[in-house]
Amino acid sequence: MAQPIGFVFGNDNVAQGNGYGPRHLSWDMSFSKAVLFTERTQLQFQAQFFNIFNRVNCQTPDTGVTDSSFGVISNDFLPRQGQLGRIFSF
């Protein structure tokens, strides 16, 4: 039985980049309030938040076998973001 080639996971049928990285968990929330002026006009206020609990979500590690940074996580996803808006309907 032959020994496997170094730094190779699985056999040739496995595509590169199919490995798993850290878990991604992000909570998004939205709040809105509508204020009626008349029967046909209203003003709506909105607040939207992405990754509201500001959890660090790391991207997948470097999978380049020949890279010196193999297995290193060097990036993460965006931190908490929020946006406000208003809509006037008539």
PDB file of N, CA and C in Angstrom:
ATOM      1  N   MET A   1       0.834  -1.172   0.000  1.00  0.00           N
ATOM      2  CA  MET A   1       0.000   0.000   0.000  1.00  0.00           C
ATOM      3  C   MET A   1       0.887   1.246   0.000  1.00  0.00           C
ATOM      4  N   ALA A   2       0.580   2.179  -0.892  1.00  0.00           N
ATOM      5  CA  ALA A   2       1.399   3.382  -1.047  1.00  0.00           C
ATOM      6  C   ALA A   2       1.034   4.420   0.007  1.00  0.00           C
ATOM      7  N   GLN A   3       2.005   5.184   0.411  1.00  0.00           N
ATOM      8  CA  GLN A   3       1.788   6.269   1.362  1.00  0.00           C
ATOM      9  C   GLN A   3       1.159   7.462   0.635  1.00  0.00           C
ATOM     10  N   PRO A   4       0.251   8.201   1.290  1.00  0.00           N
ATOM     11  CA  PRO A   4      -0.352   9.367   0.630  1.00  0.00           C
ATOM     12  C   PRO A   4       0.665  10.493   0.466  1.00  0.00           C
ATOM     13  N   ILE A   5       0.405  11.326  -0.520  1.00  0.00           N
ATOM     14  CA  ILE A   5       1.259  12.479  -0.779  1.00  0.00           C
ATOM     15  C   ILE A   5       1.080  13.483   0.356  1.00  0.00           C
ATOM     16  N   GLY A   6       2.139  14.117   0.768  1.00  0.00           N
ATOM     17  CA  GLY A   6       2.065  15.079   1.859  1.00  0.00           C
ATOM     18  C   GLY A   6       1.220  16.301   1.515  1.00  0.00           C
ATOM     19  N   PHE A   7       0.514  16.824   2.491  1.00  0.00           N
ATOM     20  CA  PHE A   7      -0.323  18.024   2.374  1.00  0.00           C
ATOM     21  C   PHE A   7      -1.491  17.847   1.411  1.00  0.00           C
ATOM     22  N   VAL A   8      -1.956  16.632   1.204  1.00  0.00           N
ATOM     23  CA  VAL A   8      -3.106  16.380   0.345  1.00  0.00           C
ATOM     24  C   VAL A   8      -4.170  15.699   1.199  1.00  0.00           C
ATOM     25  N   PHE A   9      -5.384  16.222   1.172  1.00  0.00           N
ATOM     26  CA  PHE A   9      -6.472  15.650   1.938  1.00  0.00           C
ATOM     27  C   PHE A   9      -7.384  14.870   1.004  1.00  0.00           C
ATOM     28  N   GLY A  10      -7.651  13.627   1.303  1.00  0.00           N
ATOM     29  CA  GLY A  10      -8.530  12.812   0.469  1.00  0.00           C
ATOM     30  C   GLY A  10      -7.812  12.310  -0.770  1.00  0.00           C
ATOM     31  N   ASN A  11      -8.585  12.095  -1.832  1.00  0.00           N
ATOM     32  CA  ASN A  11      -8.002  11.625  -3.078  1.00  0.00           C
ATOM     33  C   ASN A  11      -8.187  12.684  -4.160  1.00  0.00           C
ATOM     34  N   ASP A  12      -7.912  12.326  -5.391  1.00  0.00           N
ATOM     35  CA  ASP A  12      -7.993  13.298  -6.491  1.00  0.00           C
ATOM     36  C   ASP A  12      -9.417  13.709  -6.809  1.00  0.00           C
ATOM     37  N   ASN A  13     -10.424  12.986  -6.307  1.00  0.00           N
ATOM     38  CA  ASN A  13     -11.814  13.330  -6.590  1.00  0.00           C
ATOM     39  C   ASN A  13     -12.333  14.481  -5.733  1.00  0.00           C
ATOM     40  N   VAL A  14     -11.574  14.879  -4.739  1.00  0.00           N
ATOM     41  CA  VAL A  14     -11.988  15.965  -3.856  1.00  0.00           C
ATOM     42  C   VAL A  14     -11.438  17.270  -4.419  1.00  0.00           C
ATOM     43  N   ALA A  15     -12.325  18.245  -4.656  1.00  0.00           N
ATOM     44  CA  ALA A  15     -11.900  19.525  -5.210  1.00  0.00           C
ATOM     45  C   ALA A  15     -11.233  20.377  -4.137  1.00  0.00           C
ATOM     46  N   GLN A  16     -10.336  21.248  -4.579  1.00  0.00           N
ATOM     47  CA  GLN A  16      -9.669  22.149  -3.648  1.00  0.00           C
ATOM     48  C   GLN A  16     -10.671  23.182  -3.135  1.00  0.00           C
ATOM     49  N   GLY A  17     -10.571  23.555  -1.864  1.00  0.00           N
ATOM     50  CA  GLY A  17     -11.445  24.557  -1.293  1.00  0.00           C
ATOM     51  C   GLY A  17     -12.709  23.995  -0.668  1.00  0.00           C
ATOM     52  N   ASN A  18     -12.795  22.672  -0.527  1.00  0.00           N
ATOM     53  CA  ASN A  18     -13.971  22.073   0.078  1.00  0.00           C
ATOM     54  C   ASN A  18     -13.836  21.882   1.576  1.00  0.00           C
ATOM     55  N   GLY A  19     -12.849  22.468   2.184  1.00  0.00           N
ATOM     56  CA  GLY A  19     -12.668  22.343   3.624  1.00  0.00           C
ATOM     57  C   GLY A  19     -13.622  23.246   4.383  1.00  0.00           C
ATOM     58  N   TYR A  20     -13.709  23.026   5.659  1.00  0.00           N
ATOM     59  CA  TYR A  20     -14.593  23.805   6.516  1.00  0.00           C
ATOM     60  C   TYR A  20     -13.800  24.853   7.274  1.00  0.00           C
ATOM     61  N   GLY A  21     -14.465  25.944   7.563  1.00  0.00           N
ATOM     62  CA  GLY A  21     -13.864  26.997   8.362  1.00  0.00           C
ATOM     63  C   GLY A  21     -14.645  27.187   9.641  1.00  0.00           C
ATOM     64  N   PRO A  22     -14.393  28.274  10.334  1.00  0.00           N
ATOM     65  CA  PRO A  22     -15.119  28.534  11.569  1.00  0.00           C
ATOM     66  C   PRO A  22     -16.600  28.801  11.309  1.00  0.00           C
ATOM     67  N   ARG A  23     -17.406  28.609  12.323  1.00  0.00           N
ATOM     68  CA  ARG A  23     -18.852  28.791  12.212  1.00  0.00           C
ATOM     69  C   ARG A  23     -19.197  30.258  12.011  1.00  0.00           C
ATOM     70  N   HIS A  24     -20.171  30.512  11.153  1.00  0.00           N
ATOM     71  CA  HIS A  24     -20.633  31.877  10.869  1.00  0.00           C
ATOM     72  C   HIS A  24     -21.995  32.064  11.521  1.00  0.00           C
ATOM     73  N   LEU A  25     -22.096  33.031  12.440  1.00  0.00           N
ATOM     74  CA  LEU A  25     -23.342  33.296  13.140  1.00  0.00           C
ATOM     75  C   LEU A  25     -23.560  34.801  13.177  1.00  0.00           C
ATOM     76  N   SER A  26     -24.642  35.244  12.577  1.00  0.00           N
ATOM     77  CA  SER A  26     -24.934  36.669  12.501  1.00  0.00           C
ATOM     78  C   SER A  26     -26.424  36.884  12.697  1.00  0.00           C
ATOM     79  N   TRP A  27     -26.793  37.812  13.582  1.00  0.00           N
ATOM     80  CA  TRP A  27     -28.192  38.154  13.830  1.00  0.00           C
ATOM     81  C   TRP A  27     -28.489  39.498  13.199  1.00  0.00           C
ATOM     82  N   ASP A  28     -29.530  39.551  12.387  1.00  0.00           N
ATOM     83  CA  ASP A  28     -29.982  40.785  11.767  1.00  0.00           C
ATOM     84  C   ASP A  28     -31.347  41.140  12.350  1.00  0.00           C
ATOM     85  N   MET A  29     -31.559  42.436  12.618  1.00  0.00           N
ATOM     86  CA  MET A  29     -32.840  42.879  13.181  1.00  0.00           C
ATOM     87  C   MET A  29     -33.302  44.141  12.480  1.00  0.00           C
ATOM     88  N   SER A  30     -34.619  44.307  12.486  1.00  0.00           N
ATOM     89  CA  SER A  30     -35.223  45.487  11.880  1.00  0.00           C
ATOM     90  C   SER A  30     -36.362  45.959  12.771  1.00  0.00           C
ATOM     91  N   PHE A  31     -36.454  47.274  12.940  1.00  0.00           N
ATOM     92  CA  PHE A  31     -37.516  47.889  13.718  1.00  0.00           C
ATOM     93  C   PHE A  31     -38.179  48.956  12.861  1.00  0.00           C
ATOM     94  N   SER A  32     -39.497  49.098  12.998  1.00  0.00           N
ATOM     95  CA  SER A  32     -40.188  50.141  12.241  1.00  0.00           C
ATOM     96  C   SER A  32     -41.368  50.664  13.045  1.00  0.00           C
ATOM     97  N   LYS A  33     -41.719  51.908  12.786  1.00  0.00           N
ATOM     98  CA  LYS A  33     -42.849  52.562  13.439  1.00  0.00           C
ATOM     99  C   LYS A  33     -43.519  53.459  12.410  1.00  0.00           C
ATOM    100  N   ALA A  34     -44.835  53.304  12.259  1.00  0.00           N
ATOM    101  CA  ALA A  34     -45.592  54.124  11.314  1.00  0.00           C
ATOM    102  C   ALA A  34     -46.448  55.118  12.096  1.00  0.00           C
ATOM    103  N   VAL A  35     -46.433  56.381  11.653  1.00  0.00           N
ATOM    104  CA  VAL A  35     -47.234  57.438  12.259  1.00  0.00           C
ATOM    105  C   VAL A  35     -48.216  57.928  11.202  1.00  0.00           C
ATOM    106  N   LEU A  36     -49.499  57.809  11.488  1.00  0.00           N
ATOM    107  CA  LEU A  36     -50.531  58.248  10.547  1.00  0.00           C
ATOM    108  C   LEU A  36     -50.834  59.731  10.765  1.00  0.00           C
ATOM    109  N   PHE A  37     -50.870  60.499   9.660  1.00  0.00           N
ATOM    110  CA  PHE A  37     -51.259  61.910   9.727  1.00  0.00           C
ATOM    111  C   PHE A  37     -52.725  62.069   9.342  1.00  0.00           C
ATOM    112  N   THR A  38     -53.108  61.473   8.246  1.00  0.00           N
ATOM    113  CA  THR A  38     -54.503  61.437   7.814  1.00  0.00           C
ATOM    114  C   THR A  38     -54.794  60.003   7.371  1.00  0.00           C
ATOM    115  N   GLU A  39     -55.951  59.793   6.752  1.00  0.00           N
ATOM    116  CA  GLU A  39     -56.268  58.449   6.289  1.00  0.00           C
ATOM    117  C   GLU A  39     -55.314  57.973   5.205  1.00  0.00           C
ATOM    118  N   ARG A  40     -54.777  58.899   4.426  1.00  0.00           N
ATOM    119  CA  ARG A  40     -53.951  58.516   3.270  1.00  0.00           C
ATOM    120  C   ARG A  40     -52.478  58.862   3.414  1.00  0.00           C
ATOM    121  N   THR A  41     -52.081  59.573   4.412  1.00  0.00           N
ATOM    122  CA  THR A  41     -50.664  59.945   4.560  1.00  0.00           C
ATOM    123  C   THR A  41     -50.108  59.351   5.843  1.00  0.00           C
ATOM    124  N   GLN A  42     -48.902  58.858   5.722  1.00  0.00           N
ATOM    125  CA  GLN A  42     -48.218  58.318   6.894  1.00  0.00           C
ATOM    126  C   GLN A  42     -46.716  58.504   6.747  1.00  0.00           C
ATOM    127  N   LEU A  43     -46.045  58.520   7.866  1.00  0.00           N
ATOM    128  CA  LEU A  43     -44.589  58.602   7.919  1.00  0.00           C
ATOM    129  C   LEU A  43     -44.101  57.367   8.658  1.00  0.00           C
ATOM    130  N   GLN A  44     -43.188  56.638   8.033  1.00  0.00           N
ATOM    131  CA  GLN A  44     -42.685  55.407   8.631  1.00  0.00           C
ATOM    132  C   GLN A  44     -41.198  55.568   8.916  1.00  0.00           C
ATOM    133  N   PHE A  45     -40.796  55.268  10.142  1.00  0.00           N
ATOM    134  CA  PHE A  45     -39.392  55.283  10.550  1.00  0.00           C
ATOM    135  C   PHE A  45     -38.891  53.849  10.592  1.00  0.00           C
ATOM    136  N   GLN A  46     -37.656  53.637  10.122  1.00  0.00           N
ATOM    137  CA  GLN A  46     -37.078  52.294  10.075  1.00  0.00           C
ATOM    138  C   GLN A  46     -35.663  52.320  10.622  1.00  0.00           C
ATOM    139  N   ALA A  47     -35.285  51.246  11.306  1.00  0.00           N
ATOM    140  CA  ALA A  47     -33.907  51.029  11.757  1.00  0.00           C
ATOM    141  C   ALA A  47     -33.567  49.569  11.463  1.00  0.00           C
ATOM    142  N   GLN A  48     -32.466  49.359  10.759  1.00  0.00           N
ATOM    143  CA  GLN A  48     -32.028  48.009  10.409  1.00  0.00           C
ATOM    144  C   GLN A  48     -30.602  47.820  10.910  1.00  0.00           C
ATOM    145  N   PHE A  49     -30.367  46.659  11.514  1.00  0.00           N
ATOM    146  CA  PHE A  49     -29.045  46.348  12.047  1.00  0.00           C
ATOM    147  C   PHE A  49     -28.617  44.983  11.528  1.00  0.00           C
ATOM    148  N   PHE A  50     -27.371  44.892  11.125  1.00  0.00           N
ATOM    149  CA  PHE A  50     -26.786  43.654  10.627  1.00  0.00           C
ATOM    150  C   PHE A  50     -25.673  43.250  11.579  1.00  0.00           C
ATOM    151  N   ASN A  51     -25.657  41.975  11.987  1.00  0.00           N
ATOM    152  CA  ASN A  51     -24.723  41.463  12.999  1.00  0.00           C
ATOM    153  C   ASN A  51     -24.868  42.293  14.279  1.00  0.00           C
ATOM    154  N   ILE A  52     -26.100  42.367  14.773  1.00  0.00           N
ATOM    155  CA  ILE A  52     -26.436  43.281  15.865  1.00  0.00           C
ATOM    156  C   ILE A  52     -25.659  42.992  17.151  1.00  0.00           C
ATOM    157  N   PHE A  53     -25.296  41.752  17.419  1.00  0.00           N
ATOM    158  CA  PHE A  53     -24.550  41.430  18.631  1.00  0.00           C
ATOM    159  C   PHE A  53     -23.040  41.559  18.431  1.00  0.00           C
ATOM    160  N   ASN A  54     -22.634  42.006  17.250  1.00  0.00           N
ATOM    161  CA  ASN A  54     -21.229  42.297  16.915  1.00  0.00           C
ATOM    162  C   ASN A  54     -20.311  41.105  17.171  1.00  0.00           C
ATOM    163  N   ARG A  55     -20.738  39.930  16.748  1.00  0.00           N
ATOM    164  CA  ARG A  55     -19.936  38.719  16.897  1.00  0.00           C
ATOM    165  C   ARG A  55     -18.885  38.677  15.789  1.00  0.00           C
ATOM    166  N   VAL A  56     -17.666  38.311  16.141  1.00  0.00           N
ATOM    167  CA  VAL A  56     -16.601  38.193  15.149  1.00  0.00           C
ATOM    168  C   VAL A  56     -16.822  36.918  14.346  1.00  0.00           C
ATOM    169  N   ASN A  57     -16.954  37.060  13.038  1.00  0.00           N
ATOM    170  CA  ASN A  57     -17.128  35.930  12.130  1.00  0.00           C
ATOM    171  C   ASN A  57     -15.912  35.862  11.216  1.00  0.00           C
ATOM    172  N   CYS A  58     -15.081  34.860  11.443  1.00  0.00           N
ATOM    173  CA  CYS A  58     -13.857  34.715  10.659  1.00  0.00           C
ATOM    174  C   CYS A  58     -14.151  34.016   9.340  1.00  0.00           C
ATOM    175  N   GLN A  59     -13.376  34.377   8.324  1.00  0.00           N
ATOM    176  CA  GLN A  59     -13.509  33.705   7.037  1.00  0.00           C
ATOM    177  C   GLN A  59     -12.737  32.391   7.067  1.00  0.00           C
ATOM    178  N   THR A  60     -12.814  31.640   5.992  1.00  0.00           N
ATOM    179  CA  THR A  60     -12.157  30.334   5.956  1.00  0.00           C
ATOM    180  C   THR A  60     -10.641  30.500   5.903  1.00  0.00           C
ATOM    181  N   PRO A  61      -9.905  29.514   6.411  1.00  0.00           N
ATOM    182  CA  PRO A  61      -8.450  29.599   6.377  1.00  0.00           C
ATOM    183  C   PRO A  61      -7.897  29.481   4.961  1.00  0.00           C
ATOM    184  N   ASP A  62      -6.672  29.920   4.788  1.00  0.00           N
ATOM    185  CA  ASP A  62      -5.996  29.833   3.494  1.00  0.00           C
ATOM    186  C   ASP A  62      -5.777  28.365   3.152  1.00  0.00           C
ATOM    187  N   THR A  63      -6.212  27.962   1.957  1.00  0.00           N
ATOM    188  CA  THR A  63      -6.106  26.556   1.555  1.00  0.00           C
ATOM    189  C   THR A  63      -5.033  26.321   0.502  1.00  0.00           C
ATOM    190  N   GLY A  64      -4.241  27.336   0.189  1.00  0.00           N
ATOM    191  CA  GLY A  64      -3.162  27.132  -0.775  1.00  0.00           C
ATOM    192  C   GLY A  64      -2.057  26.293  -0.165  1.00  0.00           C
ATOM    193  N   VAL A  65      -1.862  25.098  -0.693  1.00  0.00           N
ATOM    194  CA  VAL A  65      -0.923  24.150  -0.098  1.00  0.00           C
ATOM    195  C   VAL A  65       0.502  24.684  -0.152  1.00  0.00           C
ATOM    196  N   THR A  66       0.825  25.430  -1.184  1.00  0.00           N
ATOM    197  CA  THR A  66       2.200  25.910  -1.319  1.00  0.00           C
ATOM    198  C   THR A  66       2.420  27.255  -0.641  1.00  0.00           C
ATOM    199  N   ASP A  67       1.372  27.876  -0.103  1.00  0.00           N
ATOM    200  CA  ASP A  67       1.519  29.175   0.555  1.00  0.00           C
ATOM    201  C   ASP A  67       2.134  29.006   1.936  1.00  0.00           C
ATOM    202  N   SER A  68       2.877  30.021   2.348  1.00  0.00           N
ATOM    203  CA  SER A  68       3.445  29.985   3.698  1.00  0.00           C
ATOM    204  C   SER A  68       2.385  30.256   4.755  1.00  0.00           C
ATOM    205  N   SER A  69       1.232  30.780   4.338  1.00  0.00           N
ATOM    206  CA  SER A  69       0.152  31.067   5.292  1.00  0.00           C
ATOM    207  C   SER A  69      -0.928  29.990   5.249  1.00  0.00           C
ATOM    208  N   PHE A  70      -0.558  28.768   4.921  1.00  0.00           N
ATOM    209  CA  PHE A  70      -1.526  27.671   4.833  1.00  0.00           C
ATOM    210  C   PHE A  70      -2.194  27.464   6.195  1.00  0.00           C
ATOM    211  N   GLY A  71      -3.535  27.459   6.214  1.00  0.00           N
ATOM    212  CA  GLY A  71      -4.282  27.232   7.434  1.00  0.00           C
ATOM    213  C   GLY A  71      -4.468  28.454   8.308  1.00  0.00           C
ATOM    214  N   VAL A  72      -3.971  29.608   7.873  1.00  0.00           N
ATOM    215  CA  VAL A  72      -4.070  30.837   8.661  1.00  0.00           C
ATOM    216  C   VAL A  72      -5.336  31.596   8.258  1.00  0.00           C
ATOM    217  N   ILE A  73      -6.087  32.066   9.243  1.00  0.00           N
ATOM    218  CA  ILE A  73      -7.263  32.910   8.994  1.00  0.00           C
ATOM    219  C   ILE A  73      -6.802  34.355   9.070  1.00  0.00           C
ATOM    220  N   SER A  74      -6.872  35.061   7.941  1.00  0.00           N
ATOM    221  CA  SER A  74      -6.357  36.426   7.909  1.00  0.00           C
ATOM    222  C   SER A  74      -7.438  37.482   7.731  1.00  0.00           C
ATOM    223  N   ASN A  75      -8.687  37.092   7.532  1.00  0.00           N
ATOM    224  CA  ASN A  75      -9.765  38.058   7.318  1.00  0.00           C
ATOM    225  C   ASN A  75     -10.984  37.663   8.135  1.00  0.00           C
ATOM    226  N   ASP A  76     -11.840  38.661   8.357  1.00  0.00           N
ATOM    227  CA  ASP A  76     -13.125  38.382   8.984  1.00  0.00           C
ATOM    228  C   ASP A  76     -14.208  39.136   8.228  1.00  0.00           C
ATOM    229  N   PHE A  77     -15.463  38.809   8.536  1.00  0.00           N
ATOM    230  CA  PHE A  77     -16.583  39.475   7.891  1.00  0.00           C
ATOM    231  C   PHE A  77     -16.845  40.808   8.571  1.00  0.00           C
ATOM    232  N   LEU A  78     -17.746  41.586   8.014  1.00  0.00           N
ATOM    233  CA  LEU A  78     -18.010  42.931   8.509  1.00  0.00           C
ATOM    234  C   LEU A  78     -18.538  42.934   9.937  1.00  0.00           C
ATOM    235  N   PRO A  79     -18.178  43.956  10.724  1.00  0.00           N
ATOM    236  CA  PRO A  79     -18.724  44.081  12.074  1.00  0.00           C
ATOM    237  C   PRO A  79     -20.154  44.607  12.021  1.00  0.00           C
ATOM    238  N   ARG A  80     -20.695  44.967  13.173  1.00  0.00           N
ATOM    239  CA  ARG A  80     -22.065  45.478  13.250  1.00  0.00           C
ATOM    240  C   ARG A  80     -22.233  46.693  12.336  1.00  0.00           C
ATOM    241  N   GLN A  81     -23.349  46.689  11.624  1.00  0.00           N
ATOM    242  CA  GLN A  81     -23.701  47.821  10.775  1.00  0.00           C
ATOM    243  C   GLN A  81     -25.148  48.177  11.026  1.00  0.00           C
ATOM    244  N   GLY A  82     -25.474  49.443  10.925  1.00  0.00           N
ATOM    245  CA  GLY A  82     -26.851  49.887  11.107  1.00  0.00           C
ATOM    246  C   GLY A  82     -27.203  50.953  10.096  1.00  0.00           C
ATOM    247  N   GLN A  83     -28.469  51.044   9.804  1.00  0.00           N
ATOM    248  CA  GLN A  83     -28.933  52.093   8.905  1.00  0.00           C
ATOM    249  C   GLN A  83     -30.315  52.541   9.341  1.00  0.00           C
ATOM    250  N   LEU A  84     -30.565  53.814   9.150  1.00  0.00           N
ATOM    251  CA  LEU A  84     -31.849  54.420   9.498  1.00  0.00           C
ATOM    252  C   LEU A  84     -32.523  54.910   8.243  1.00  0.00           C
ATOM    253  N   GLY A  85     -33.842  54.939   8.260  1.00  0.00           N
ATOM    254  CA  GLY A  85     -34.570  55.424   7.094  1.00  0.00           C
ATOM    255  C   GLY A  85     -35.937  55.900   7.480  1.00  0.00           C
ATOM    256  N   ARG A  86     -36.534  56.670   6.587  1.00  0.00           N
ATOM    257  CA  ARG A  86     -37.908  57.106   6.767  1.00  0.00           C
ATOM    258  C   ARG A  86     -38.587  57.116   5.409  1.00  0.00           C
ATOM    259  N   ILE A  87     -39.877  56.819   5.419  1.00  0.00           N
ATOM    260  CA  ILE A  87     -40.681  56.764   4.202  1.00  0.00           C
ATOM    261  C   ILE A  87     -41.939  57.574   4.438  1.00  0.00           C
ATOM    262  N   PHE A  88     -42.213  58.479   3.519  1.00  0.00           N
ATOM    263  CA  PHE A  88     -43.442  59.258   3.580  1.00  0.00           C
ATOM    264  C   PHE A  88     -44.359  58.770   2.465  1.00  0.00           C
ATOM    265  N   SER A  89     -45.516  58.255   2.836  1.00  0.00           N
ATOM    266  CA  SER A  89     -46.478  57.718   1.872  1.00  0.00           C
ATOM    267  C   SER A  89     -47.712  58.614   1.822  1.00  0.00           C
ATOM    268  N   PHE A  90     -48.193  58.854   0.602  1.00  0.00           N
ATOM    269  CA  PHE A  90     -49.419  59.660   0.452  1.00  0.00           C
ATOM    270  C   PHE A  90     -50.264  59.098  -0.652  1.00  0.00           C
TER     271      PHE A  90
END
